[in-house]
Amino acid sequence: MGHYGSKARRIEPMNIGEVLNDYGFPVAGTMQGGKMRDHAGPVTRFAWLSN
């Protein structure tokens, strides 16, 4: 699963791995990509679940 932020509006993506874990889903790994214009954080965050 993934969540996208916005460079234009300077909105960082939510930490989808943490959210899924909080809801009881078994998160197997996470990844983030891109950089905001001010290099403060990622533009995308992804998480995958274990079976």
Protein backbone atom coordinates (compact mmCIF):
# COMPACT_ATOMS: atom_id res chain seq x y z
CA MET A 1 0.00 0.00 0.00
CA GLY A 2 1.18 3.54 -0.48
CA HIS A 3 0.49 7.14 0.32
CA TYR A 4 1.54 10.14 -1.72
CA GLY A 5 2.26 13.64 -0.50
CA SER A 6 2.44 16.82 -2.57
CA LYS A 7 5.53 18.80 -3.45
CA ALA A 8 3.44 21.73 -4.68
CA ARG A 9 1.43 21.98 -1.45
CA ARG A 10 4.34 20.84 0.76
CA ILE A 11 2.31 18.00 2.28
CA GLU A 12 4.31 14.96 3.39
CA PRO A 13 2.76 11.50 3.04
CA MET A 14 1.49 9.76 6.14
CA ASN A 15 3.64 6.99 7.57
CA ILE A 16 1.50 4.23 6.09
CA GLY A 17 3.53 1.45 7.72
CA GLU A 18 2.93 2.90 11.17
CA VAL A 19 -0.78 3.39 10.46
CA LEU A 20 -1.22 -0.19 9.25
CA ASN A 21 0.71 -1.52 12.25
CA ASP A 22 -1.48 0.52 14.61
CA TYR A 23 -4.54 -1.17 13.06
CA GLY A 24 -3.02 -4.60 13.71
CA PHE A 25 -1.76 -5.46 10.23
CA PRO A 26 1.56 -7.34 10.08
CA VAL A 27 3.88 -4.94 8.25
CA ALA A 28 6.74 -6.81 6.57
CA GLY A 29 8.61 -3.77 5.28
CA THR A 30 8.49 -0.13 4.27
CA MET A 31 10.07 2.13 1.67
CA GLN A 32 9.99 5.81 0.90
CA GLY A 33 10.91 7.75 -2.20
CA GLY A 34 11.45 11.19 -3.62
CA LYS A 35 12.28 14.35 -1.74
CA MET A 36 10.23 17.41 -0.94
CA ARG A 37 11.45 20.66 -2.47
CA ASP A 38 13.06 21.70 0.81
CA HIS A 39 14.49 18.15 1.27
CA ALA A 40 12.60 17.88 4.57
CA GLY A 41 11.06 14.50 3.84
CA PRO A 42 9.88 11.96 1.27
CA VAL A 43 7.13 12.46 -1.30
CA THR A 44 5.89 8.86 -1.14
CA ARG A 45 5.76 6.13 1.48
CA PHE A 46 4.92 2.49 0.91
CA ALA A 47 4.41 -0.55 3.14
CA TRP A 48 3.85 -4.19 2.39
CA LEU A 49 2.22 -6.80 4.57
CA SER A 50 3.32 -10.30 5.48
CA ASN A 51 1.08 -13.29 4.81
